ModelCIF file with pLDDT and N, C-alpha, C, O atoms, coordinates in Angstrom:
data_MODEL
#
_entry.id   MODEL 
#
_entity.id                         1 
_entity.type                       polymer 
_entity.pdbx_number_of_molecules   1 
#
_entity_poly.entity_id                      1 
_entity_poly.type                           'polypeptide(L)' 
_entity_poly.nstd_linkage                   no 
_entity_poly.nstd_monomer                   no 
_entity_poly.pdbx_seq_one_letter_code       
;(UNK)(UNK)(UNK)(UNK)(UNK)(UNK)(UNK)(UNK)(UNK)(UNK)(UNK)(UNK)(UNK)(UNK)(UNK)(UNK)
(UNK)(UNK)(UNK)(UNK)(UNK)(UNK)(UNK)(UNK)(UNK)(UNK)(UNK)(UNK)(UNK)(UNK)(UNK)(UNK)
(UNK)(UNK)(UNK)(UNK)(UNK)(UNK)(UNK)(UNK)(UNK)(UNK)(UNK)(UNK)(UNK)
;
_entity_poly.pdbx_seq_one_letter_code_can   XXXXXXXXXXXXXXXXXXXXXXXXXXXXXXXXXXXXXXXXXXXXX 
_entity_poly.pdbx_strand_id                 A 
#
loop_
_entity_poly_seq.entity_id 
_entity_poly_seq.num 
_entity_poly_seq.mon_id 
_entity_poly_seq.hetero 
1 1  UNK n 
1 2  UNK n 
1 3  UNK n 
1 4  UNK n 
1 5  UNK n 
1 6  UNK n 
1 7  UNK n 
1 8  UNK n 
1 9  UNK n 
1 10 UNK n 
1 11 UNK n 
1 12 UNK n 
1 13 UNK n 
1 14 UNK n 
1 15 UNK n 
1 16 UNK n 
1 17 UNK n 
1 18 UNK n 
1 19 UNK n 
1 20 UNK n 
1 21 UNK n 
1 22 UNK n 
1 23 UNK n 
1 24 UNK n 
1 25 UNK n 
1 26 UNK n 
1 27 UNK n 
1 28 UNK n 
1 29 UNK n 
1 30 UNK n 
1 31 UNK n 
1 32 UNK n 
1 33 UNK n 
1 34 UNK n 
1 35 UNK n 
1 36 UNK n 
1 37 UNK n 
1 38 UNK n 
1 39 UNK n 
1 40 UNK n 
1 41 UNK n 
1 42 UNK n 
1 43 UNK n 
1 44 UNK n 
1 45 UNK n 
#
_struct_asym.id          A 
_struct_asym.entity_id   1 
#
loop_
_ma_qa_metric.id 
_ma_qa_metric.mode 
_ma_qa_metric.name 
_ma_qa_metric.software_group_id 
_ma_qa_metric.type 
1 global pLDDT . pLDDT 
2 local  pLDDT . pLDDT 
#
_ma_qa_metric_global.metric_id      1 
_ma_qa_metric_global.metric_value   90.07 
_ma_qa_metric_global.model_id       1 
_ma_qa_metric_global.ordinal_id     1 
#
loop_
_ma_qa_metric_local.label_asym_id 
_ma_qa_metric_local.label_comp_id 
_ma_qa_metric_local.label_seq_id 
_ma_qa_metric_local.metric_id 
_ma_qa_metric_local.metric_value 
_ma_qa_metric_local.model_id 
_ma_qa_metric_local.ordinal_id 
A UNK 1  2 97.00 1 1  
A UNK 2  2 96.00 1 2  
A UNK 3  2 96.00 1 3  
A UNK 4  2 96.00 1 4  
A UNK 5  2 94.00 1 5  
A UNK 6  2 94.00 1 6  
A UNK 7  2 89.00 1 7  
A UNK 8  2 85.00 1 8  
A UNK 9  2 81.00 1 9  
A UNK 10 2 81.00 1 10 
A UNK 11 2 84.00 1 11 
A UNK 12 2 85.00 1 12 
A UNK 13 2 85.00 1 13 
A UNK 14 2 87.00 1 14 
A UNK 15 2 89.00 1 15 
A UNK 16 2 89.00 1 16 
A UNK 17 2 85.00 1 17 
A UNK 18 2 88.00 1 18 
A UNK 19 2 90.00 1 19 
A UNK 20 2 86.00 1 20 
A UNK 21 2 84.00 1 21 
A UNK 22 2 87.00 1 22 
A UNK 23 2 89.00 1 23 
A UNK 24 2 85.00 1 24 
A UNK 25 2 89.00 1 25 
A UNK 26 2 88.00 1 26 
A UNK 27 2 89.00 1 27 
A UNK 28 2 88.00 1 28 
A UNK 29 2 89.00 1 29 
A UNK 30 2 91.00 1 30 
A UNK 31 2 88.00 1 31 
A UNK 32 2 89.00 1 32 
A UNK 33 2 93.00 1 33 
A UNK 34 2 93.00 1 34 
A UNK 35 2 92.00 1 35 
A UNK 36 2 92.00 1 36 
A UNK 37 2 95.00 1 37 
A UNK 38 2 94.00 1 38 
A UNK 39 2 93.00 1 39 
A UNK 40 2 94.00 1 40 
A UNK 41 2 95.00 1 41 
A UNK 42 2 94.00 1 42 
A UNK 43 2 94.00 1 43 
A UNK 44 2 95.00 1 44 
A UNK 45 2 96.00 1 45 
#
loop_
_atom_site.group_PDB 
_atom_site.id 
_atom_site.type_symbol 
_atom_site.label_atom_id 
_atom_site.label_alt_id 
_atom_site.label_comp_id 
_atom_site.label_asym_id 
_atom_site.label_entity_id 
_atom_site.label_seq_id 
_atom_site.pdbx_PDB_ins_code 
_atom_site.Cartn_x 
_atom_site.Cartn_y 
_atom_site.Cartn_z 
_atom_site.occupancy 
_atom_site.B_iso_or_equiv 
_atom_site.pdbx_formal_charge 
_atom_site.auth_seq_id 
_atom_site.auth_comp_id 
_atom_site.auth_asym_id 
_atom_site.auth_atom_id 
_atom_site.pdbx_PDB_model_num 
ATOM 1   N N  . UNK A 1 1  ? -47.875 -0.756 -3.690 1.00 97.00 ? 1  UNK A N  1 
ATOM 2   C CA . UNK A 1 1  ? -46.722 -0.802 -2.668 1.00 97.00 ? 1  UNK A CA 1 
ATOM 3   C C  . UNK A 1 1  ? -47.257 -1.791 -1.411 1.00 97.00 ? 1  UNK A C  1 
ATOM 4   O O  . UNK A 1 1  ? -48.136 -1.402 -0.642 1.00 97.00 ? 1  UNK A O  1 
ATOM 5   N N  . UNK A 1 2  ? -46.733 -2.887 -1.314 1.00 96.00 ? 2  UNK A N  1 
ATOM 6   C CA . UNK A 1 2  ? -47.000 -4.201 -0.660 1.00 96.00 ? 2  UNK A CA 1 
ATOM 7   C C  . UNK A 1 2  ? -47.305 -3.800 1.079  1.00 96.00 ? 2  UNK A C  1 
ATOM 8   O O  . UNK A 1 2  ? -48.136 -3.967 1.973  1.00 96.00 ? 2  UNK A O  1 
ATOM 9   N N  . UNK A 1 3  ? -45.928 -3.135 0.781  1.00 96.00 ? 3  UNK A N  1 
ATOM 10  C CA . UNK A 1 3  ? -45.870 -2.507 2.656  1.00 96.00 ? 3  UNK A CA 1 
ATOM 11  C C  . UNK A 1 3  ? -44.621 -1.343 2.501  1.00 96.00 ? 3  UNK A C  1 
ATOM 12  O O  . UNK A 1 3  ? -43.825 -1.133 1.585  1.00 96.00 ? 3  UNK A O  1 
ATOM 13  N N  . UNK A 1 4  ? -44.805 -0.754 3.691  1.00 96.00 ? 4  UNK A N  1 
ATOM 14  C CA . UNK A 1 4  ? -43.841 0.023  4.302  1.00 96.00 ? 4  UNK A CA 1 
ATOM 15  C C  . UNK A 1 4  ? -42.722 -0.376 3.919  1.00 96.00 ? 4  UNK A C  1 
ATOM 16  O O  . UNK A 1 4  ? -42.489 -1.552 4.201  1.00 96.00 ? 4  UNK A O  1 
ATOM 17  N N  . UNK A 1 5  ? -41.758 0.296  3.253  1.00 94.00 ? 5  UNK A N  1 
ATOM 18  C CA . UNK A 1 5  ? -40.320 -0.136 3.144  1.00 94.00 ? 5  UNK A CA 1 
ATOM 19  C C  . UNK A 1 5  ? -39.231 0.104  3.836  1.00 94.00 ? 5  UNK A C  1 
ATOM 20  O O  . UNK A 1 5  ? -38.262 0.719  3.390  1.00 94.00 ? 5  UNK A O  1 
ATOM 21  N N  . UNK A 1 6  ? -39.341 -0.455 5.182  1.00 94.00 ? 6  UNK A N  1 
ATOM 22  C CA . UNK A 1 6  ? -38.731 -0.277 6.252  1.00 94.00 ? 6  UNK A CA 1 
ATOM 23  C C  . UNK A 1 6  ? -37.215 -1.054 5.411  1.00 94.00 ? 6  UNK A C  1 
ATOM 24  O O  . UNK A 1 6  ? -37.168 -1.513 4.269  1.00 94.00 ? 6  UNK A O  1 
ATOM 25  N N  . UNK A 1 7  ? -36.060 -0.980 6.484  1.00 89.00 ? 7  UNK A N  1 
ATOM 26  C CA . UNK A 1 7  ? -34.864 -1.948 6.214  1.00 89.00 ? 7  UNK A CA 1 
ATOM 27  C C  . UNK A 1 7  ? -35.134 -3.047 6.741  1.00 89.00 ? 7  UNK A C  1 
ATOM 28  O O  . UNK A 1 7  ? -36.010 -2.996 7.605  1.00 89.00 ? 7  UNK A O  1 
ATOM 29  N N  . UNK A 1 8  ? -34.417 -4.632 6.396  1.00 85.00 ? 8  UNK A N  1 
ATOM 30  C CA . UNK A 1 8  ? -34.542 -5.243 7.579  1.00 85.00 ? 8  UNK A CA 1 
ATOM 31  C C  . UNK A 1 8  ? -34.018 -5.212 8.687  1.00 85.00 ? 8  UNK A C  1 
ATOM 32  O O  . UNK A 1 8  ? -32.958 -4.596 8.801  1.00 85.00 ? 8  UNK A O  1 
ATOM 33  N N  . UNK A 1 9  ? -34.657 -5.922 9.933  1.00 81.00 ? 9  UNK A N  1 
ATOM 34  C CA . UNK A 1 9  ? -34.370 -5.706 11.352 1.00 81.00 ? 9  UNK A CA 1 
ATOM 35  C C  . UNK A 1 9  ? -32.886 -6.548 10.900 1.00 81.00 ? 9  UNK A C  1 
ATOM 36  O O  . UNK A 1 9  ? -32.213 -5.532 10.731 1.00 81.00 ? 9  UNK A O  1 
ATOM 37  N N  . UNK A 1 10 ? -32.069 -7.513 10.638 1.00 81.00 ? 10 UNK A N  1 
ATOM 38  C CA . UNK A 1 10 ? -31.195 -7.888 10.209 1.00 81.00 ? 10 UNK A CA 1 
ATOM 39  C C  . UNK A 1 10 ? -30.482 -7.660 10.062 1.00 81.00 ? 10 UNK A C  1 
ATOM 40  O O  . UNK A 1 10 ? -29.479 -8.154 10.577 1.00 81.00 ? 10 UNK A O  1 
ATOM 41  N N  . UNK A 1 11 ? -30.511 -6.160 8.732  1.00 84.00 ? 11 UNK A N  1 
ATOM 42  C CA . UNK A 1 11 ? -29.436 -5.262 7.739  1.00 84.00 ? 11 UNK A CA 1 
ATOM 43  C C  . UNK A 1 11 ? -28.204 -4.855 9.095  1.00 84.00 ? 11 UNK A C  1 
ATOM 44  O O  . UNK A 1 11 ? -28.592 -4.187 10.054 1.00 84.00 ? 11 UNK A O  1 
ATOM 45  N N  . UNK A 1 12 ? -27.014 -5.254 9.028  1.00 85.00 ? 12 UNK A N  1 
ATOM 46  C CA . UNK A 1 12 ? -26.256 -4.962 10.369 1.00 85.00 ? 12 UNK A CA 1 
ATOM 47  C C  . UNK A 1 12 ? -26.041 -3.511 10.083 1.00 85.00 ? 12 UNK A C  1 
ATOM 48  O O  . UNK A 1 12 ? -26.245 -2.750 11.029 1.00 85.00 ? 12 UNK A O  1 
ATOM 49  N N  . UNK A 1 13 ? -25.690 -3.028 9.018  1.00 85.00 ? 13 UNK A N  1 
ATOM 50  C CA . UNK A 1 13 ? -25.455 -1.934 8.603  1.00 85.00 ? 13 UNK A CA 1 
ATOM 51  C C  . UNK A 1 13 ? -26.454 -0.513 9.095  1.00 85.00 ? 13 UNK A C  1 
ATOM 52  O O  . UNK A 1 13 ? -25.918 0.266  9.883  1.00 85.00 ? 13 UNK A O  1 
ATOM 53  N N  . UNK A 1 14 ? -27.860 -0.209 8.629  1.00 87.00 ? 14 UNK A N  1 
ATOM 54  C CA . UNK A 1 14 ? -28.679 -0.061 9.224  1.00 87.00 ? 14 UNK A CA 1 
ATOM 55  C C  . UNK A 1 14 ? -28.815 -0.294 10.807 1.00 87.00 ? 14 UNK A C  1 
ATOM 56  O O  . UNK A 1 14 ? -28.806 0.755  11.450 1.00 87.00 ? 14 UNK A O  1 
ATOM 57  N N  . UNK A 1 15 ? -28.920 -1.294 11.438 1.00 89.00 ? 15 UNK A N  1 
ATOM 58  C CA . UNK A 1 15 ? -28.709 -1.645 12.885 1.00 89.00 ? 15 UNK A CA 1 
ATOM 59  C C  . UNK A 1 15 ? -27.582 -0.999 13.732 1.00 89.00 ? 15 UNK A C  1 
ATOM 60  O O  . UNK A 1 15 ? -27.669 -0.737 14.931 1.00 89.00 ? 15 UNK A O  1 
ATOM 61  N N  . UNK A 1 16 ? -26.455 -0.768 12.889 1.00 89.00 ? 16 UNK A N  1 
ATOM 62  C CA . UNK A 1 16 ? -25.493 0.110  13.386 1.00 89.00 ? 16 UNK A CA 1 
ATOM 63  C C  . UNK A 1 16 ? -25.647 1.540  13.680 1.00 89.00 ? 16 UNK A C  1 
ATOM 64  O O  . UNK A 1 16 ? -25.546 2.141  14.750 1.00 89.00 ? 16 UNK A O  1 
ATOM 65  N N  . UNK A 1 17 ? -25.894 1.923  12.582 1.00 85.00 ? 17 UNK A N  1 
ATOM 66  C CA . UNK A 1 17 ? -26.375 3.184  12.007 1.00 85.00 ? 17 UNK A CA 1 
ATOM 67  C C  . UNK A 1 17 ? -27.519 3.845  12.999 1.00 85.00 ? 17 UNK A C  1 
ATOM 68  O O  . UNK A 1 17 ? -27.350 4.998  13.398 1.00 85.00 ? 17 UNK A O  1 
ATOM 69  N N  . UNK A 1 18 ? -28.681 3.091  13.387 1.00 88.00 ? 18 UNK A N  1 
ATOM 70  C CA . UNK A 1 18 ? -29.194 3.528  14.433 1.00 88.00 ? 18 UNK A CA 1 
ATOM 71  C C  . UNK A 1 18 ? -28.873 3.043  15.486 1.00 88.00 ? 18 UNK A C  1 
ATOM 72  O O  . UNK A 1 18 ? -29.665 3.581  16.260 1.00 88.00 ? 18 UNK A O  1 
ATOM 73  N N  . UNK A 1 19 ? -28.292 2.431  16.031 1.00 90.00 ? 19 UNK A N  1 
ATOM 74  C CA . UNK A 1 19 ? -27.257 2.713  17.459 1.00 90.00 ? 19 UNK A CA 1 
ATOM 75  C C  . UNK A 1 19 ? -27.029 3.581  17.664 1.00 90.00 ? 19 UNK A C  1 
ATOM 76  O O  . UNK A 1 19 ? -27.612 4.284  18.489 1.00 90.00 ? 19 UNK A O  1 
ATOM 77  N N  . UNK A 1 20 ? -25.526 4.074  16.605 1.00 86.00 ? 20 UNK A N  1 
ATOM 78  C CA . UNK A 1 20 ? -24.838 5.135  16.810 1.00 86.00 ? 20 UNK A CA 1 
ATOM 79  C C  . UNK A 1 20 ? -26.211 6.389  16.791 1.00 86.00 ? 20 UNK A C  1 
ATOM 80  O O  . UNK A 1 20 ? -26.335 6.943  17.884 1.00 86.00 ? 20 UNK A O  1 
ATOM 81  N N  . UNK A 1 21 ? -26.935 6.735  15.995 1.00 84.00 ? 21 UNK A N  1 
ATOM 82  C CA . UNK A 1 21 ? -27.597 8.040  16.019 1.00 84.00 ? 21 UNK A CA 1 
ATOM 83  C C  . UNK A 1 21 ? -28.097 8.071  17.944 1.00 84.00 ? 21 UNK A C  1 
ATOM 84  O O  . UNK A 1 21 ? -28.168 9.047  18.692 1.00 84.00 ? 21 UNK A O  1 
ATOM 85  N N  . UNK A 1 22 ? -28.365 6.595  18.237 1.00 87.00 ? 22 UNK A N  1 
ATOM 86  C CA . UNK A 1 22 ? -29.172 6.619  19.810 1.00 87.00 ? 22 UNK A CA 1 
ATOM 87  C C  . UNK A 1 22 ? -28.338 6.942  20.719 1.00 87.00 ? 22 UNK A C  1 
ATOM 88  O O  . UNK A 1 22 ? -28.627 7.605  21.716 1.00 87.00 ? 22 UNK A O  1 
ATOM 89  N N  . UNK A 1 23 ? -26.939 6.378  20.371 1.00 89.00 ? 23 UNK A N  1 
ATOM 90  C CA . UNK A 1 23 ? -25.503 6.332  21.321 1.00 89.00 ? 23 UNK A CA 1 
ATOM 91  C C  . UNK A 1 23 ? -25.650 8.367  21.575 1.00 89.00 ? 23 UNK A C  1 
ATOM 92  O O  . UNK A 1 23 ? -25.686 8.868  22.699 1.00 89.00 ? 23 UNK A O  1 
ATOM 93  N N  . UNK A 1 24 ? -25.712 9.224  20.227 1.00 85.00 ? 24 UNK A N  1 
ATOM 94  C CA . UNK A 1 24 ? -25.774 10.425 20.126 1.00 85.00 ? 24 UNK A CA 1 
ATOM 95  C C  . UNK A 1 24 ? -26.888 11.296 20.864 1.00 85.00 ? 24 UNK A C  1 
ATOM 96  O O  . UNK A 1 24 ? -26.828 12.511 21.051 1.00 85.00 ? 24 UNK A O  1 
ATOM 97  N N  . UNK A 1 25 ? -27.715 10.602 21.172 1.00 89.00 ? 25 UNK A N  1 
ATOM 98  C CA . UNK A 1 25 ? -28.884 11.357 22.017 1.00 89.00 ? 25 UNK A CA 1 
ATOM 99  C C  . UNK A 1 25 ? -29.938 11.412 20.363 1.00 89.00 ? 25 UNK A C  1 
ATOM 100 O O  . UNK A 1 25 ? -30.276 12.587 20.218 1.00 89.00 ? 25 UNK A O  1 
ATOM 101 N N  . UNK A 1 26 ? -30.383 10.712 19.424 1.00 88.00 ? 26 UNK A N  1 
ATOM 102 C CA . UNK A 1 26 ? -31.270 10.818 18.595 1.00 88.00 ? 26 UNK A CA 1 
ATOM 103 C C  . UNK A 1 26 ? -32.238 9.669  18.014 1.00 88.00 ? 26 UNK A C  1 
ATOM 104 O O  . UNK A 1 26 ? -31.668 8.585  17.897 1.00 88.00 ? 26 UNK A O  1 
ATOM 105 N N  . UNK A 1 27 ? -33.045 9.685  17.784 1.00 89.00 ? 27 UNK A N  1 
ATOM 106 C CA . UNK A 1 27 ? -33.748 9.286  17.593 1.00 89.00 ? 27 UNK A CA 1 
ATOM 107 C C  . UNK A 1 27 ? -33.347 8.012  16.210 1.00 89.00 ? 27 UNK A C  1 
ATOM 108 O O  . UNK A 1 27 ? -33.626 8.227  15.031 1.00 89.00 ? 27 UNK A O  1 
ATOM 109 N N  . UNK A 1 28 ? -32.575 6.568  16.775 1.00 88.00 ? 28 UNK A N  1 
ATOM 110 C CA . UNK A 1 28 ? -32.364 5.904  15.455 1.00 88.00 ? 28 UNK A CA 1 
ATOM 111 C C  . UNK A 1 28 ? -33.874 5.544  14.800 1.00 88.00 ? 28 UNK A C  1 
ATOM 112 O O  . UNK A 1 28 ? -33.813 5.769  13.591 1.00 88.00 ? 28 UNK A O  1 
ATOM 113 N N  . UNK A 1 29 ? -34.818 5.204  15.075 1.00 89.00 ? 29 UNK A N  1 
ATOM 114 C CA . UNK A 1 29 ? -36.008 4.556  14.340 1.00 89.00 ? 29 UNK A CA 1 
ATOM 115 C C  . UNK A 1 29 ? -36.643 5.687  13.107 1.00 89.00 ? 29 UNK A C  1 
ATOM 116 O O  . UNK A 1 29 ? -37.244 5.385  12.076 1.00 89.00 ? 29 UNK A O  1 
ATOM 117 N N  . UNK A 1 30 ? -36.276 7.081  13.618 1.00 91.00 ? 30 UNK A N  1 
ATOM 118 C CA . UNK A 1 30 ? -36.982 8.175  12.681 1.00 91.00 ? 30 UNK A CA 1 
ATOM 119 C C  . UNK A 1 30 ? -35.560 8.340  11.908 1.00 91.00 ? 30 UNK A C  1 
ATOM 120 O O  . UNK A 1 30 ? -35.681 8.111  10.705 1.00 91.00 ? 30 UNK A O  1 
ATOM 121 N N  . UNK A 1 31 ? -34.453 8.627  12.249 1.00 88.00 ? 31 UNK A N  1 
ATOM 122 C CA . UNK A 1 31 ? -33.695 9.326  11.461 1.00 88.00 ? 31 UNK A CA 1 
ATOM 123 C C  . UNK A 1 31 ? -32.850 8.102  10.712 1.00 88.00 ? 31 UNK A C  1 
ATOM 124 O O  . UNK A 1 31 ? -31.901 8.575  10.087 1.00 88.00 ? 31 UNK A O  1 
ATOM 125 N N  . UNK A 1 32 ? -32.932 6.849  10.625 1.00 89.00 ? 32 UNK A N  1 
ATOM 126 C CA . UNK A 1 32 ? -32.672 5.935  9.773  1.00 89.00 ? 32 UNK A CA 1 
ATOM 127 C C  . UNK A 1 32 ? -33.577 4.983  9.315  1.00 89.00 ? 32 UNK A C  1 
ATOM 128 O O  . UNK A 1 32 ? -33.762 4.821  8.109  1.00 89.00 ? 32 UNK A O  1 
ATOM 129 N N  . UNK A 1 33 ? -34.241 4.246  10.290 1.00 93.00 ? 33 UNK A N  1 
ATOM 130 C CA . UNK A 1 33 ? -35.462 3.204  9.413  1.00 93.00 ? 33 UNK A CA 1 
ATOM 131 C C  . UNK A 1 33 ? -36.572 4.357  8.756  1.00 93.00 ? 33 UNK A C  1 
ATOM 132 O O  . UNK A 1 33 ? -36.857 4.386  7.559  1.00 93.00 ? 33 UNK A O  1 
ATOM 133 N N  . UNK A 1 34 ? -36.935 4.964  9.422  1.00 93.00 ? 34 UNK A N  1 
ATOM 134 C CA . UNK A 1 34 ? -38.500 5.829  8.989  1.00 93.00 ? 34 UNK A CA 1 
ATOM 135 C C  . UNK A 1 34 ? -37.509 6.781  7.801  1.00 93.00 ? 34 UNK A C  1 
ATOM 136 O O  . UNK A 1 34 ? -38.230 7.348  6.980  1.00 93.00 ? 34 UNK A O  1 
ATOM 137 N N  . UNK A 1 35 ? -36.141 7.005  7.620  1.00 92.00 ? 35 UNK A N  1 
ATOM 138 C CA . UNK A 1 35 ? -36.077 8.025  6.846  1.00 92.00 ? 35 UNK A CA 1 
ATOM 139 C C  . UNK A 1 35 ? -35.133 7.302  5.081  1.00 92.00 ? 35 UNK A C  1 
ATOM 140 O O  . UNK A 1 35 ? -34.605 7.892  4.139  1.00 92.00 ? 35 UNK A O  1 
ATOM 141 N N  . UNK A 1 36 ? -35.314 6.032  5.355  1.00 92.00 ? 36 UNK A N  1 
ATOM 142 C CA . UNK A 1 36 ? -35.153 4.884  4.385  1.00 92.00 ? 36 UNK A CA 1 
ATOM 143 C C  . UNK A 1 36 ? -36.108 4.534  3.928  1.00 92.00 ? 36 UNK A C  1 
ATOM 144 O O  . UNK A 1 36 ? -35.960 4.402  2.714  1.00 92.00 ? 36 UNK A O  1 
ATOM 145 N N  . UNK A 1 37 ? -37.127 4.282  4.275  1.00 95.00 ? 37 UNK A N  1 
ATOM 146 C CA . UNK A 1 37 ? -38.305 4.021  3.977  1.00 95.00 ? 37 UNK A CA 1 
ATOM 147 C C  . UNK A 1 37 ? -39.659 5.139  3.478  1.00 95.00 ? 37 UNK A C  1 
ATOM 148 O O  . UNK A 1 37 ? -40.728 4.890  2.921  1.00 95.00 ? 37 UNK A O  1 
ATOM 149 N N  . UNK A 1 38 ? -39.005 6.538  3.997  1.00 94.00 ? 38 UNK A N  1 
ATOM 150 C CA . UNK A 1 38 ? -39.328 7.748  3.363  1.00 94.00 ? 38 UNK A CA 1 
ATOM 151 C C  . UNK A 1 38 ? -38.867 7.539  1.953  1.00 94.00 ? 38 UNK A C  1 
ATOM 152 O O  . UNK A 1 38 ? -39.676 7.389  1.038  1.00 94.00 ? 38 UNK A O  1 
ATOM 153 N N  . UNK A 1 39 ? -37.891 7.532  1.819  1.00 93.00 ? 39 UNK A N  1 
ATOM 154 C CA . UNK A 1 39 ? -37.272 7.910  0.993  1.00 93.00 ? 39 UNK A CA 1 
ATOM 155 C C  . UNK A 1 39 ? -37.108 6.935  -0.653 1.00 93.00 ? 39 UNK A C  1 
ATOM 156 O O  . UNK A 1 39 ? -36.569 7.277  -1.706 1.00 93.00 ? 39 UNK A O  1 
ATOM 157 N N  . UNK A 1 40 ? -37.936 5.448  -0.218 1.00 94.00 ? 40 UNK A N  1 
ATOM 158 C CA . UNK A 1 40 ? -38.195 4.463  -0.761 1.00 94.00 ? 40 UNK A CA 1 
ATOM 159 C C  . UNK A 1 40 ? -39.625 5.077  -1.257 1.00 94.00 ? 40 UNK A C  1 
ATOM 160 O O  . UNK A 1 40 ? -39.903 5.234  -2.446 1.00 94.00 ? 40 UNK A O  1 
ATOM 161 N N  . UNK A 1 41 ? -40.241 5.308  -0.483 1.00 95.00 ? 41 UNK A N  1 
ATOM 162 C CA . UNK A 1 41 ? -41.496 5.634  -0.952 1.00 95.00 ? 41 UNK A CA 1 
ATOM 163 C C  . UNK A 1 41 ? -41.581 6.767  -1.563 1.00 95.00 ? 41 UNK A C  1 
ATOM 164 O O  . UNK A 1 41 ? -42.278 6.698  -2.575 1.00 95.00 ? 41 UNK A O  1 
ATOM 165 N N  . UNK A 1 42 ? -41.048 8.007  -1.294 1.00 94.00 ? 42 UNK A N  1 
ATOM 166 C CA . UNK A 1 42 ? -41.196 9.005  -2.754 1.00 94.00 ? 42 UNK A CA 1 
ATOM 167 C C  . UNK A 1 42 ? -40.748 8.550  -4.130 1.00 94.00 ? 42 UNK A C  1 
ATOM 168 O O  . UNK A 1 42 ? -40.929 9.156  -5.186 1.00 94.00 ? 42 UNK A O  1 
ATOM 169 N N  . UNK A 1 43 ? -39.994 7.123  -3.914 1.00 94.00 ? 43 UNK A N  1 
ATOM 170 C CA . UNK A 1 43 ? -39.409 7.490  -5.421 1.00 94.00 ? 43 UNK A CA 1 
ATOM 171 C C  . UNK A 1 43 ? -40.715 6.025  -6.003 1.00 94.00 ? 43 UNK A C  1 
ATOM 172 O O  . UNK A 1 43 ? -41.206 5.991  -7.132 1.00 94.00 ? 43 UNK A O  1 
ATOM 173 N N  . UNK A 1 44 ? -40.946 5.209  -5.123 1.00 95.00 ? 44 UNK A N  1 
ATOM 174 C CA . UNK A 1 44 ? -41.580 4.111  -5.582 1.00 95.00 ? 44 UNK A CA 1 
ATOM 175 C C  . UNK A 1 44 ? -42.959 5.408  -5.647 1.00 95.00 ? 44 UNK A C  1 
ATOM 176 O O  . UNK A 1 44 ? -42.729 6.356  -6.399 1.00 95.00 ? 44 UNK A O  1 
ATOM 177 N N  . UNK A 1 45 ? -43.739 5.412  -5.206 1.00 96.00 ? 45 UNK A N  1 
ATOM 178 C CA . UNK A 1 45 ? -45.087 6.106  -5.505 1.00 96.00 ? 45 UNK A CA 1 
ATOM 179 C C  . UNK A 1 45 ? -44.189 7.661  -6.610 1.00 96.00 ? 45 UNK A C  1 
ATOM 180 O O  . UNK A 1 45 ? -44.884 8.547  -7.106 1.00 96.00 ? 45 UNK A O  1 
#
């Protein structure tokens, strides 16, 4: 696995979801980017 599979920073949907989480008081990185990466790592490994 060449790198942690975070979503692309220019992915408009993932970016908008992260902003929505943060607007609601959550952690956009952990709830969107890290969760996305965790799922792909689980599947890849």
